Amino acid sequence: MAASLWRAVMDSVSGSSSSPSAPDAASGGVEFWHGAERAGWLNKQGEYIKTWRRRWFVLKQGRLFWFKDPAVTRASVPRGVIPVASCLTVKGAEDVLNRQFAFELSTPAETMYFIADSEKEKEEWINSIGRSIVQHSCSIADAEVVDYDSRPQATTQPKDSQETEPAA
């Protein structure tokens, strides 16, 4: 699923279904190499082969990027990205995976699993991603709000009531 989200983001950014060839296309215009809202190591379960891989994650401007190593520069190309506005929930998942410090990130299409290095890290990631979901979901919802009070009202004209005189 993360790969399909990656493809969807790439298609919307580049306007085609080809692979990104430039860091700008991969980032969606987000300068992920500095000023992250949150960054750190997480173990991520693969989309197709369900092995766990340690990746460096960067949360910035409503996108969760991941890289092979923490030396992220302008020239770095993310291994993947999740637009958090498409996410429904982020919550602990120790009981689902039977692993300490596990959490899940759910979209309408699938649920992705991650493992942090400590309980504190897990809670900080859940809180940061949750805030980002709310912040970026609200901005989408606000753009779709219709203010019914400010719409022009159709006025109904009363029919001309002509009095008819009774026939004599």
C-alpha atoms as a PDB file:
ATOM      1  CA  MET A   1       0.000   0.000   0.000  1.00  0.00           C
ATOM      2  CA  ALA A   2       2.762   2.456   0.806  1.00  0.00           C
ATOM      3  CA  ALA A   3       4.095   1.876  -2.688  1.00  0.00           C
ATOM      4  CA  SER A   4       0.658   2.511  -4.163  1.00  0.00           C
ATOM      5  CA  LEU A   5       0.377   5.710  -2.107  1.00  0.00           C
ATOM      6  CA  TRP A   6       3.853   6.593  -3.364  1.00  0.00           C
ATOM      7  CA  ARG A   7       2.717   6.036  -6.969  1.00  0.00           C
ATOM      8  CA  ALA A   8      -0.446   8.088  -6.399  1.00  0.00           C
ATOM      9  CA  VAL A   9       1.537  10.990  -4.970  1.00  0.00           C
ATOM     10  CA  MET A  10       4.083  10.769  -7.759  1.00  0.00           C
ATOM     11  CA  ASP A  11       1.368  10.705 -10.414  1.00  0.00           C
ATOM     12  CA  SER A  12      -0.332  13.752  -8.927  1.00  0.00           C
ATOM     13  CA  VAL A  13       2.958  15.647  -8.657  1.00  0.00           C
ATOM     14  CA  SER A  14       4.467  14.764 -12.025  1.00  0.00           C
ATOM     15  CA  GLY A  15       1.248  14.320 -13.981  1.00  0.00           C
ATOM     16  CA  SER A  16       2.408  10.928 -15.271  1.00  0.00           C
ATOM     17  CA  SER A  17       2.767   7.368 -14.103  1.00  0.00           C
ATOM     18  CA  SER A  18       6.538   7.247 -14.540  1.00  0.00           C
ATOM     19  CA  SER A  19       9.064   6.949 -11.731  1.00  0.00           C
ATOM     20  CA  PRO A  20      10.437  10.151 -10.243  1.00  0.00           C
ATOM     21  CA  SER A  21      13.693  11.234 -11.803  1.00  0.00           C
ATOM     22  CA  ALA A  22      14.329  14.328  -9.723  1.00  0.00           C
ATOM     23  CA  PRO A  23      14.236  14.968  -5.980  1.00  0.00           C
ATOM     24  CA  ASP A  24      11.697  17.770  -6.527  1.00  0.00           C
ATOM     25  CA  ALA A  25       9.261  15.313  -8.095  1.00  0.00           C
ATOM     26  CA  ALA A  26       9.815  12.836  -5.271  1.00  0.00           C
ATOM     27  CA  SER A  27       9.261  15.430  -2.559  1.00  0.00           C
ATOM     28  CA  GLY A  28       6.100  16.998  -3.914  1.00  0.00           C
ATOM     29  CA  GLY A  29       7.803  20.359  -3.387  1.00  0.00           C
ATOM     30  CA  VAL A  30       8.409  19.702   0.330  1.00  0.00           C
ATOM     31  CA  GLU A  31      11.922  20.588   1.532  1.00  0.00           C
ATOM     32  CA  PHE A  32      12.233  17.429   3.646  1.00  0.00           C
ATOM     33  CA  TRP A  33      15.985  17.861   4.160  1.00  0.00           C
ATOM     34  CA  HIS A  34      15.601  20.537   6.854  1.00  0.00           C
ATOM     35  CA  GLY A  35      13.111  21.752   9.455  1.00  0.00           C
ATOM     36  CA  ALA A  36      11.162  18.523   9.891  1.00  0.00           C
ATOM     37  CA  GLU A  37       8.208  18.442  12.279  1.00  0.00           C
ATOM     38  CA  ARG A  38       9.562  15.069  13.412  1.00  0.00           C
ATOM     39  CA  ALA A  39      12.378  12.803  12.243  1.00  0.00           C
ATOM     40  CA  GLY A  40      13.799   9.521  13.505  1.00  0.00           C
ATOM     41  CA  TRP A  41      14.284   5.800  13.092  1.00  0.00           C
ATOM     42  CA  LEU A  42      11.334   3.418  12.804  1.00  0.00           C
ATOM     43  CA  ASN A  43      11.062  -0.177  11.688  1.00  0.00           C
ATOM     44  CA  LYS A  44       8.600  -0.461   8.824  1.00  0.00           C
ATOM     45  CA  GLN A  45       6.945  -3.577   7.530  1.00  0.00           C
ATOM     46  CA  GLY A  46       7.329  -4.082   3.765  1.00  0.00           C
ATOM     47  CA  GLU A  47       4.309  -3.872   1.500  1.00  0.00           C
ATOM     48  CA  TYR A  48       4.773  -7.122  -0.395  1.00  0.00           C
ATOM     49  CA  ILE A  49       7.442  -9.024   1.519  1.00  0.00           C
ATOM     50  CA  LYS A  50       6.392  -8.610   5.134  1.00  0.00           C
ATOM     51  CA  THR A  51       9.907  -8.238   6.550  1.00  0.00           C
ATOM     52  CA  TRP A  52      10.867  -5.439   8.904  1.00  0.00           C
ATOM     53  CA  ARG A  53      13.313  -2.801   7.701  1.00  0.00           C
ATOM     54  CA  ARG A  54      14.828   0.043   9.666  1.00  0.00           C
ATOM     55  CA  ARG A  55      14.192   3.360   7.917  1.00  0.00           C
ATOM     56  CA  TRP A  56      14.751   7.039   8.692  1.00  0.00           C
ATOM     57  CA  PHE A  57      11.382   8.827   8.711  1.00  0.00           C
ATOM     58  CA  VAL A  58      10.737  12.535   8.195  1.00  0.00           C
ATOM     59  CA  LEU A  59       7.334  14.119   8.860  1.00  0.00           C
ATOM     60  CA  LYS A  60       6.903  17.493   7.202  1.00  0.00           C
ATOM     61  CA  GLN A  61       4.038  19.482   5.678  1.00  0.00           C
ATOM     62  CA  GLY A  62       1.514  16.657   5.746  1.00  0.00           C
ATOM     63  CA  ARG A  63       3.808  14.010   4.286  1.00  0.00           C
ATOM     64  CA  LEU A  64       5.638  11.151   5.971  1.00  0.00           C
ATOM     65  CA  PHE A  65       8.819  10.351   3.987  1.00  0.00           C
ATOM     66  CA  TRP A  66      11.255   7.501   4.583  1.00  0.00           C
ATOM     67  CA  PHE A  67      14.871   6.986   3.619  1.00  0.00           C
ATOM     68  CA  LYS A  68      17.532   4.291   4.037  1.00  0.00           C
ATOM     69  CA  ASP A  69      19.770   6.506   6.188  1.00  0.00           C
ATOM     70  CA  PRO A  70      19.538   9.726   8.223  1.00  0.00           C
ATOM     71  CA  ALA A  71      21.928  11.698   5.984  1.00  0.00           C
ATOM     72  CA  VAL A  72      19.029  13.393   4.193  1.00  0.00           C
ATOM     73  CA  THR A  73      20.059  16.154   1.791  1.00  0.00           C
ATOM     74  CA  ARG A  74      18.453  18.135  -1.008  1.00  0.00           C
ATOM     75  CA  ALA A  75      19.633  15.403  -3.415  1.00  0.00           C
ATOM     76  CA  SER A  76      18.107  12.536  -1.390  1.00  0.00           C
ATOM     77  CA  VAL A  77      15.278  10.626  -3.010  1.00  0.00           C
ATOM     78  CA  PRO A  78      12.710   9.237  -0.562  1.00  0.00           C
ATOM     79  CA  ARG A  79      12.144   5.467  -0.576  1.00  0.00           C
ATOM     80  CA  GLY A  80       8.474   6.252  -0.066  1.00  0.00           C
ATOM     81  CA  VAL A  81       5.976   8.824   1.128  1.00  0.00           C
ATOM     82  CA  ILE A  82       2.565   8.754   2.791  1.00  0.00           C
ATOM     83  CA  PRO A  83       0.313  11.814   2.458  1.00  0.00           C
ATOM     84  CA  VAL A  84      -1.149  12.016   5.973  1.00  0.00           C
ATOM     85  CA  ALA A  85      -4.348  13.692   4.756  1.00  0.00           C
ATOM     86  CA  SER A  86      -5.276  10.268   3.329  1.00  0.00           C
ATOM     87  CA  CYS A  87      -4.837   8.625   6.754  1.00  0.00           C
ATOM     88  CA  LEU A  88      -7.797   7.825   8.978  1.00  0.00           C
ATOM     89  CA  THR A  89      -6.128   6.759  12.234  1.00  0.00           C
ATOM     90  CA  VAL A  90      -2.799   6.317  13.958  1.00  0.00           C
ATOM     91  CA  LYS A  91      -2.750   4.204  17.110  1.00  0.00           C
ATOM     92  CA  GLY A  92      -0.808   1.644  19.108  1.00  0.00           C
ATOM     93  CA  ALA A  93      -0.686  -1.885  17.699  1.00  0.00           C
ATOM     94  CA  GLU A  94       1.248  -3.996  20.225  1.00  0.00           C
ATOM     95  CA  ASP A  95      -1.739  -6.317  20.588  1.00  0.00           C
ATOM     96  CA  VAL A  96      -2.071  -6.758  16.805  1.00  0.00           C
ATOM     97  CA  LEU A  97       1.609  -7.511  16.126  1.00  0.00           C
ATOM     98  CA  ASN A  98       2.594  -8.935  19.527  1.00  0.00           C
ATOM     99  CA  ARG A  99       5.580  -6.563  19.456  1.00  0.00           C
ATOM    100  CA  GLN A 100       6.571  -3.856  21.881  1.00  0.00           C
ATOM    101  CA  PHE A 101       6.369  -0.198  20.731  1.00  0.00           C
ATOM    102  CA  ALA A 102       4.304  -1.048  17.608  1.00  0.00           C
ATOM    103  CA  PHE A 103       1.804   1.337  16.040  1.00  0.00           C
ATOM    104  CA  GLU A 104      -0.361   1.382  12.949  1.00  0.00           C
ATOM    105  CA  LEU A 105      -1.301   4.002  10.380  1.00  0.00           C
ATOM    106  CA  SER A 106      -4.582   3.333   8.562  1.00  0.00           C
ATOM    107  CA  THR A 107      -5.817   4.646   5.227  1.00  0.00           C
ATOM    108  CA  PRO A 108      -9.071   3.722   3.483  1.00  0.00           C
ATOM    109  CA  ALA A 109      -7.122   1.144   1.447  1.00  0.00           C
ATOM    110  CA  GLU A 110      -4.830  -0.482   4.033  1.00  0.00           C
ATOM    111  CA  THR A 111      -3.081  -0.442   7.393  1.00  0.00           C
ATOM    112  CA  MET A 112       0.692   0.023   7.674  1.00  0.00           C
ATOM    113  CA  TYR A 113       2.693  -1.074  10.721  1.00  0.00           C
ATOM    114  CA  PHE A 114       5.720   0.514  12.386  1.00  0.00           C
ATOM    115  CA  ILE A 115       7.862  -0.236  15.439  1.00  0.00           C
ATOM    116  CA  ALA A 116       9.578   2.508  17.436  1.00  0.00           C
ATOM    117  CA  ASP A 117      12.649   2.083  19.645  1.00  0.00           C
ATOM    118  CA  SER A 118      10.845   2.919  22.902  1.00  0.00           C
ATOM    119  CA  GLU A 119       7.420   3.633  24.359  1.00  0.00           C
ATOM    120  CA  LYS A 120       8.277   7.345  24.453  1.00  0.00           C
ATOM    121  CA  GLU A 121       9.262   7.353  20.746  1.00  0.00           C
ATOM    122  CA  LYS A 122       6.092   5.452  19.839  1.00  0.00           C
ATOM    123  CA  GLU A 123       3.883   7.967  21.674  1.00  0.00           C
ATOM    124  CA  GLU A 124       5.745  10.924  20.136  1.00  0.00           C
ATOM    125  CA  TRP A 125       5.306   9.525  16.608  1.00  0.00           C
ATOM    126  CA  ILE A 126       1.614   8.788  17.209  1.00  0.00           C
ATOM    127  CA  ASN A 127       1.068  12.322  18.546  1.00  0.00           C
ATOM    128  CA  SER A 128       3.024  14.008  15.734  1.00  0.00           C
ATOM    129  CA  ILE A 129       1.319  12.032  12.967  1.00  0.00           C
ATOM    130  CA  GLY A 130      -2.080  12.500  14.635  1.00  0.00           C
ATOM    131  CA  ARG A 131      -1.602  16.274  14.782  1.00  0.00           C
ATOM    132  CA  SER A 132      -0.568  16.293  11.137  1.00  0.00           C
ATOM    133  CA  ILE A 133      -3.619  14.229  10.124  1.00  0.00           C
ATOM    134  CA  VAL A 134      -5.921  16.671  11.906  1.00  0.00           C
ATOM    135  CA  GLN A 135      -4.144  19.741  10.558  1.00  0.00           C
ATOM    136  CA  HIS A 136      -4.108  18.576   6.942  1.00  0.00           C
ATOM    137  CA  SER A 137      -7.545  16.952   7.007  1.00  0.00           C
ATOM    138  CA  CYS A 138      -9.110  20.173   8.302  1.00  0.00           C
ATOM    139  CA  SER A 139      -7.583  22.239   5.518  1.00  0.00           C
ATOM    140  CA  ILE A 140      -9.154  19.915   2.950  1.00  0.00           C
ATOM    141  CA  ALA A 141     -12.514  19.947   4.739  1.00  0.00           C
ATOM    142  CA  ASP A 142     -12.477  23.739   5.115  1.00  0.00           C
ATOM    143  CA  ALA A 143     -12.118  24.141   1.346  1.00  0.00           C
ATOM    144  CA  GLU A 144     -15.259  22.038   0.847  1.00  0.00           C
ATOM    145  CA  VAL A 145     -17.476  23.869   3.339  1.00  0.00           C
ATOM    146  CA  VAL A 146     -20.477  25.607   1.865  1.00  0.00           C
ATOM    147  CA  ASP A 147     -21.731  28.602   3.789  1.00  0.00           C
ATOM    148  CA  TYR A 148     -25.466  28.414   3.229  1.00  0.00           C
ATOM    149  CA  ASP A 149     -26.054  31.734   4.983  1.00  0.00           C
ATOM    150  CA  SER A 150     -23.980  33.661   2.441  1.00  0.00           C
ATOM    151  CA  ARG A 151     -25.496  32.090  -0.675  1.00  0.00           C
ATOM    152  CA  PRO A 152     -27.902  34.299  -2.602  1.00  0.00           C
ATOM    153  CA  GLN A 153     -31.383  33.379  -1.610  1.00  0.00           C
ATOM    154  CA  ALA A 154     -34.010  32.755  -4.225  1.00  0.00           C
ATOM    155  CA  THR A 155     -36.870  35.070  -3.592  1.00  0.00           C
ATOM    156  CA  THR A 156     -40.359  33.865  -4.220  1.00  0.00           C
ATOM    157  CA  GLN A 157     -42.647  36.452  -5.660  1.00  0.00           C
ATOM    158  CA  PRO A 158     -46.223  36.324  -4.457  1.00  0.00           C
ATOM    159  CA  LYS A 159     -48.607  35.677  -7.305  1.00  0.00           C
ATOM    160  CA  ASP A 160     -50.595  38.699  -8.354  1.00  0.00           C
ATOM    161  CA  SER A 161     -53.950  38.073  -6.825  1.00  0.00           C
ATOM    162  CA  GLN A 162     -56.497  39.756  -8.985  1.00  0.00           C
ATOM    163  CA  GLU A 163     -59.828  39.888  -7.413  1.00  0.00           C
ATOM    164  CA  THR A 164     -62.443  38.617  -9.675  1.00  0.00           C
ATOM    165  CA  GLU A 165     -65.806  40.072  -9.335  1.00  0.00           C
ATOM    166  CA  PRO A 166     -68.649  37.677  -9.174  1.00  0.00           C
ATOM    167  CA  ALA A 167     -70.618  37.506 -12.391  1.00  0.00           C
ATOM    168  CA  ALA A 168     -73.894  39.320 -12.084  1.00  0.00           C
END
